[in-house]
């Protein structure tokens, strides 16, 4: 493995935004986020194939979910507070509208949805569920909260005609 040039930390992405972008600020359009995401995906697939690209994006999502939890949810006391923190922050940050459809805390099995998902809402229908980064993101949040490992899979996607992204999360 080659030497890392960059290790993620929040200071890099949030430092001096008001100084660096006094007029434009910290927001951009969804199309620009997706331009980055899908060109990166395309290049990764050309080099590593679709399966390995999915694995890499999911792994990045887990890291992002852990970081999201540490920054926005760390002080929650229970599952209800966690859900509320995710809902509020997803909406405020423009990620999507998060809901929990089913929760079995005894078995730690959950079904969650993200409406107006940043990654795929409005994209053309395909035969593919594409929100592997979101799978990892949700996984990372759950793992950071519980200290346990989870398997998160998208079971419905806007791109397969569902008009919402639905995820199943099961503690391993």
C-alpha atoms as a PDB file:
ATOM      1  CA  UNK A   1       0.000   0.000   0.000  1.00  0.00           C
ATOM      2  CA  UNK A   2       1.342   3.416  -0.898  1.00  0.00           C
ATOM      3  CA  UNK A   3       1.731   6.228   1.595  1.00  0.00           C
ATOM      4  CA  UNK A   4      -1.451   8.150   2.359  1.00  0.00           C
ATOM      5  CA  UNK A   5      -1.513  11.777   1.251  1.00  0.00           C
ATOM      6  CA  UNK A   6      -4.661  12.620   3.135  1.00  0.00           C
ATOM      7  CA  UNK A   7      -6.395  11.449   6.281  1.00  0.00           C
ATOM      8  CA  UNK A   8      -9.905  12.736   6.786  1.00  0.00           C
ATOM      9  CA  UNK A   9     -10.716  15.173   9.562  1.00  0.00           C
ATOM     10  CA  UNK A  10     -13.523  17.736   9.858  1.00  0.00           C
ATOM     11  CA  UNK A  11     -11.227  20.746  10.100  1.00  0.00           C
ATOM     12  CA  UNK A  12     -10.226  20.370   6.456  1.00  0.00           C
ATOM     13  CA  UNK A  13     -13.761  20.527   5.093  1.00  0.00           C
ATOM     14  CA  UNK A  14     -15.191  23.116   7.454  1.00  0.00           C
ATOM     15  CA  UNK A  15     -12.245  25.455   8.023  1.00  0.00           C
ATOM     16  CA  UNK A  16     -12.595  29.053   6.884  1.00  0.00           C
ATOM     17  CA  UNK A  17     -15.609  28.489   4.607  1.00  0.00           C
ATOM     18  CA  UNK A  18     -16.949  31.942   5.497  1.00  0.00           C
ATOM     19  CA  UNK A  19     -13.565  33.476   4.570  1.00  0.00           C
ATOM     20  CA  UNK A  20     -12.911  31.316   1.509  1.00  0.00           C
ATOM     21  CA  UNK A  21     -16.450  31.605   0.109  1.00  0.00           C
ATOM     22  CA  UNK A  22     -17.891  34.861   1.495  1.00  0.00           C
ATOM     23  CA  UNK A  23     -20.503  35.137  -1.257  1.00  0.00           C
ATOM     24  CA  UNK A  24     -21.233  31.518  -2.233  1.00  0.00           C
ATOM     25  CA  UNK A  25     -21.064  30.077   1.288  1.00  0.00           C
ATOM     26  CA  UNK A  26     -21.099  26.386   2.104  1.00  0.00           C
ATOM     27  CA  UNK A  27     -23.850  25.177  -0.234  1.00  0.00           C
ATOM     28  CA  UNK A  28     -23.908  23.897  -3.789  1.00  0.00           C
ATOM     29  CA  UNK A  29     -26.449  22.274  -6.070  1.00  0.00           C
ATOM     30  CA  UNK A  30     -27.301  18.571  -6.045  1.00  0.00           C
ATOM     31  CA  UNK A  31     -26.116  18.241  -9.651  1.00  0.00           C
ATOM     32  CA  UNK A  32     -22.595  19.268  -8.642  1.00  0.00           C
ATOM     33  CA  UNK A  33     -22.485  16.757  -5.780  1.00  0.00           C
ATOM     34  CA  UNK A  34     -23.677  14.081  -8.204  1.00  0.00           C
ATOM     35  CA  UNK A  35     -21.151  15.194 -10.834  1.00  0.00           C
ATOM     36  CA  UNK A  36     -18.406  14.430  -8.313  1.00  0.00           C
ATOM     37  CA  UNK A  37     -19.981  11.191  -7.095  1.00  0.00           C
ATOM     38  CA  UNK A  38     -20.782   9.638 -10.458  1.00  0.00           C
ATOM     39  CA  UNK A  39     -17.581  10.655 -12.259  1.00  0.00           C
ATOM     40  CA  UNK A  40     -15.610   9.201  -9.347  1.00  0.00           C
ATOM     41  CA  UNK A  41     -17.721   6.042  -9.542  1.00  0.00           C
ATOM     42  CA  UNK A  42     -17.155   5.812 -13.307  1.00  0.00           C
ATOM     43  CA  UNK A  43     -13.373   6.124 -12.973  1.00  0.00           C
ATOM     44  CA  UNK A  44     -13.265   3.617 -10.108  1.00  0.00           C
ATOM     45  CA  UNK A  45     -15.360   1.136 -12.096  1.00  0.00           C
ATOM     46  CA  UNK A  46     -13.036   1.491 -15.100  1.00  0.00           C
ATOM     47  CA  UNK A  47     -10.046   0.669 -12.904  1.00  0.00           C
ATOM     48  CA  UNK A  48     -11.503  -1.813 -10.393  1.00  0.00           C
ATOM     49  CA  UNK A  49     -14.871  -3.052 -11.694  1.00  0.00           C
ATOM     50  CA  UNK A  50     -18.355  -2.486 -10.330  1.00  0.00           C
ATOM     51  CA  UNK A  51     -18.164  -4.866  -7.350  1.00  0.00           C
ATOM     52  CA  UNK A  52     -14.907  -3.456  -5.983  1.00  0.00           C
ATOM     53  CA  UNK A  53     -16.201   0.088  -6.578  1.00  0.00           C
ATOM     54  CA  UNK A  54     -19.306  -0.718  -4.547  1.00  0.00           C
ATOM     55  CA  UNK A  55     -17.093  -2.076  -1.762  1.00  0.00           C
ATOM     56  CA  UNK A  56     -14.941   1.075  -1.768  1.00  0.00           C
ATOM     57  CA  UNK A  57     -17.930   3.423  -1.774  1.00  0.00           C
ATOM     58  CA  UNK A  58     -19.590   1.433   1.014  1.00  0.00           C
ATOM     59  CA  UNK A  59     -16.353   1.578   3.035  1.00  0.00           C
ATOM     60  CA  UNK A  60     -16.180   5.348   2.514  1.00  0.00           C
ATOM     61  CA  UNK A  61     -19.809   5.557   3.615  1.00  0.00           C
ATOM     62  CA  UNK A  62     -19.012   3.692   6.837  1.00  0.00           C
ATOM     63  CA  UNK A  63     -16.217   6.155   7.565  1.00  0.00           C
ATOM     64  CA  UNK A  64     -18.509   9.088   6.791  1.00  0.00           C
ATOM     65  CA  UNK A  65     -21.288   7.636   8.959  1.00  0.00           C
ATOM     66  CA  UNK A  66     -18.874   7.273  11.885  1.00  0.00           C
ATOM     67  CA  UNK A  67     -17.708  10.867  11.411  1.00  0.00           C
ATOM     68  CA  UNK A  68     -21.302  12.099  11.058  1.00  0.00           C
ATOM     69  CA  UNK A  69     -22.236  10.359  14.314  1.00  0.00           C
ATOM     70  CA  UNK A  70     -19.237  11.867  16.138  1.00  0.00           C
ATOM     71  CA  UNK A  71     -20.016  15.377  14.914  1.00  0.00           C
ATOM     72  CA  UNK A  72     -23.828  15.442  15.000  1.00  0.00           C
ATOM     73  CA  UNK A  73     -25.130  12.617  17.213  1.00  0.00           C
ATOM     74  CA  UNK A  74     -22.512  11.768  19.823  1.00  0.00           C
ATOM     75  CA  UNK A  75     -24.447  13.185  22.775  1.00  0.00           C
ATOM     76  CA  UNK A  76     -27.657  11.195  22.225  1.00  0.00           C
ATOM     77  CA  UNK A  77     -28.733   9.017  25.118  1.00  0.00           C
ATOM     78  CA  UNK A  78     -30.924   6.425  23.434  1.00  0.00           C
ATOM     79  CA  UNK A  79     -32.235   5.134  20.114  1.00  0.00           C
ATOM     80  CA  UNK A  80     -35.138   7.595  19.993  1.00  0.00           C
ATOM     81  CA  UNK A  81     -32.759  10.528  20.401  1.00  0.00           C
ATOM     82  CA  UNK A  82     -30.466   9.044  17.730  1.00  0.00           C
ATOM     83  CA  UNK A  83     -33.333   8.792  15.234  1.00  0.00           C
ATOM     84  CA  UNK A  84     -34.380  12.376  15.984  1.00  0.00           C
ATOM     85  CA  UNK A  85     -30.793  13.617  15.565  1.00  0.00           C
ATOM     86  CA  UNK A  86     -30.448  11.788  12.235  1.00  0.00           C
ATOM     87  CA  UNK A  87     -33.810  13.116  11.022  1.00  0.00           C
ATOM     88  CA  UNK A  88     -33.017  16.701  11.970  1.00  0.00           C
ATOM     89  CA  UNK A  89     -29.482  16.685  10.583  1.00  0.00           C
ATOM     90  CA  UNK A  90     -30.350  14.857   7.360  1.00  0.00           C
ATOM     91  CA  UNK A  91     -33.041  17.466   6.693  1.00  0.00           C
ATOM     92  CA  UNK A  92     -30.949  20.473   7.762  1.00  0.00           C
ATOM     93  CA  UNK A  93     -27.936  19.326   5.734  1.00  0.00           C
ATOM     94  CA  UNK A  94     -30.009  18.410   2.664  1.00  0.00           C
ATOM     95  CA  UNK A  95     -29.098  14.716   2.746  1.00  0.00           C
ATOM     96  CA  UNK A  96     -32.683  13.481   2.678  1.00  0.00           C
ATOM     97  CA  UNK A  97     -35.748  12.815   4.784  1.00  0.00           C
ATOM     98  CA  UNK A  98     -34.914   9.970   7.177  1.00  0.00           C
ATOM     99  CA  UNK A  99     -37.544   7.723   8.742  1.00  0.00           C
ATOM    100  CA  UNK A 100     -37.563   4.473  10.657  1.00  0.00           C
ATOM    101  CA  UNK A 101     -40.351   2.197   9.403  1.00  0.00           C
ATOM    102  CA  UNK A 102     -39.636  -0.755  11.676  1.00  0.00           C
ATOM    103  CA  UNK A 103     -37.416  -1.183  14.689  1.00  0.00           C
ATOM    104  CA  UNK A 104     -36.930  -4.349  16.701  1.00  0.00           C
ATOM    105  CA  UNK A 105     -34.519  -3.358  19.457  1.00  0.00           C
ATOM    106  CA  UNK A 106     -34.450  -6.896  20.876  1.00  0.00           C
ATOM    107  CA  UNK A 107     -32.973  -8.335  17.670  1.00  0.00           C
ATOM    108  CA  UNK A 108     -31.484  -5.028  16.473  1.00  0.00           C
ATOM    109  CA  UNK A 109     -33.232  -5.242  13.086  1.00  0.00           C
ATOM    110  CA  UNK A 110     -34.378  -2.029  11.440  1.00  0.00           C
ATOM    111  CA  UNK A 111     -36.023  -0.851   8.248  1.00  0.00           C
ATOM    112  CA  UNK A 112     -35.308   2.768   7.396  1.00  0.00           C
ATOM    113  CA  UNK A 113     -36.121   5.034   4.477  1.00  0.00           C
ATOM    114  CA  UNK A 114     -34.516   8.108   3.003  1.00  0.00           C
ATOM    115  CA  UNK A 115     -36.867  10.167   0.829  1.00  0.00           C
ATOM    116  CA  UNK A 116     -35.459  12.831  -1.489  1.00  0.00           C
ATOM    117  CA  UNK A 117     -32.121  11.032  -1.190  1.00  0.00           C
ATOM    118  CA  UNK A 118     -29.173  13.181  -2.206  1.00  0.00           C
ATOM    119  CA  UNK A 119     -27.580  10.345  -4.184  1.00  0.00           C
ATOM    120  CA  UNK A 120     -30.394   9.167  -6.413  1.00  0.00           C
ATOM    121  CA  UNK A 121     -33.803  10.854  -6.117  1.00  0.00           C
ATOM    122  CA  UNK A 122     -34.880  11.966  -9.559  1.00  0.00           C
ATOM    123  CA  UNK A 123     -32.406   9.805 -11.496  1.00  0.00           C
ATOM    124  CA  UNK A 124     -33.685   7.592 -14.324  1.00  0.00           C
ATOM    125  CA  UNK A 125     -34.993   4.115 -13.549  1.00  0.00           C
ATOM    126  CA  UNK A 126     -32.474   1.298 -13.968  1.00  0.00           C
ATOM    127  CA  UNK A 127     -32.252  -2.287 -12.821  1.00  0.00           C
ATOM    128  CA  UNK A 128     -29.701  -1.328 -10.170  1.00  0.00           C
ATOM    129  CA  UNK A 129     -29.983  -0.203  -6.583  1.00  0.00           C
ATOM    130  CA  UNK A 130     -27.175   2.333  -6.437  1.00  0.00           C
ATOM    131  CA  UNK A 131     -27.033   3.682  -2.893  1.00  0.00           C
ATOM    132  CA  UNK A 132     -24.088   1.640  -1.611  1.00  0.00           C
ATOM    133  CA  UNK A 133     -22.490   4.759  -0.118  1.00  0.00           C
ATOM    134  CA  UNK A 134     -25.732   5.326   1.825  1.00  0.00           C
ATOM    135  CA  UNK A 135     -25.635   1.701   3.008  1.00  0.00           C
ATOM    136  CA  UNK A 136     -22.215   2.364   4.475  1.00  0.00           C
ATOM    137  CA  UNK A 137     -23.255   5.749   5.878  1.00  0.00           C
ATOM    138  CA  UNK A 138     -26.166   4.244   7.818  1.00  0.00           C
ATOM    139  CA  UNK A 139     -23.986   1.314   8.867  1.00  0.00           C
ATOM    140  CA  UNK A 140     -21.344   3.698  10.202  1.00  0.00           C
ATOM    141  CA  UNK A 141     -23.887   5.657  12.254  1.00  0.00           C
ATOM    142  CA  UNK A 142     -25.379   2.494  13.768  1.00  0.00           C
ATOM    143  CA  UNK A 143     -21.988   1.007  14.544  1.00  0.00           C
ATOM    144  CA  UNK A 144     -20.731   4.215  16.146  1.00  0.00           C
ATOM    145  CA  UNK A 145     -23.876   4.384  18.311  1.00  0.00           C
ATOM    146  CA  UNK A 146     -23.996   0.725  19.385  1.00  0.00           C
ATOM    147  CA  UNK A 147     -20.368  -0.387  19.214  1.00  0.00           C
ATOM    148  CA  UNK A 148     -21.646  -3.457  17.306  1.00  0.00           C
ATOM    149  CA  UNK A 149     -21.287  -4.455  13.643  1.00  0.00           C
ATOM    150  CA  UNK A 150     -24.229  -4.117  11.260  1.00  0.00           C
ATOM    151  CA  UNK A 151     -25.090  -5.343   7.797  1.00  0.00           C
ATOM    152  CA  UNK A 152     -27.032  -2.634   5.937  1.00  0.00           C
ATOM    153  CA  UNK A 153     -28.538  -3.332   2.515  1.00  0.00           C
ATOM    154  CA  UNK A 154     -30.668  -1.187   0.260  1.00  0.00           C
ATOM    155  CA  UNK A 155     -33.863  -3.103  -0.459  1.00  0.00           C
ATOM    156  CA  UNK A 156     -35.712  -0.423  -2.469  1.00  0.00           C
ATOM    157  CA  UNK A 157     -34.257   2.420  -4.517  1.00  0.00           C
ATOM    158  CA  UNK A 158     -35.576   5.385  -6.471  1.00  0.00           C
ATOM    159  CA  UNK A 159     -33.644   4.032  -9.449  1.00  0.00           C
ATOM    160  CA  UNK A 160     -35.600   0.765  -9.401  1.00  0.00           C
ATOM    161  CA  UNK A 161     -38.937   2.574  -9.354  1.00  0.00           C
ATOM    162  CA  UNK A 162     -39.599   2.690  -5.604  1.00  0.00           C
ATOM    163  CA  UNK A 163     -39.419   6.493  -5.288  1.00  0.00           C
ATOM    164  CA  UNK A 164     -37.807   6.091  -1.880  1.00  0.00           C
ATOM    165  CA  UNK A 165     -34.615   4.447  -0.704  1.00  0.00           C
ATOM    166  CA  UNK A 166     -35.323   1.745   1.851  1.00  0.00           C
ATOM    167  CA  UNK A 167     -32.634   0.027   3.891  1.00  0.00           C
ATOM    168  CA  UNK A 168     -32.578  -3.078   6.012  1.00  0.00           C
ATOM    169  CA  UNK A 169     -30.122  -3.006   8.933  1.00  0.00           C
ATOM    170  CA  UNK A 170     -29.325  -6.123  10.952  1.00  0.00           C
ATOM    171  CA  UNK A 171     -26.799  -6.438  13.732  1.00  0.00           C
ATOM    172  CA  UNK A 172     -24.238  -9.123  12.881  1.00  0.00           C
END
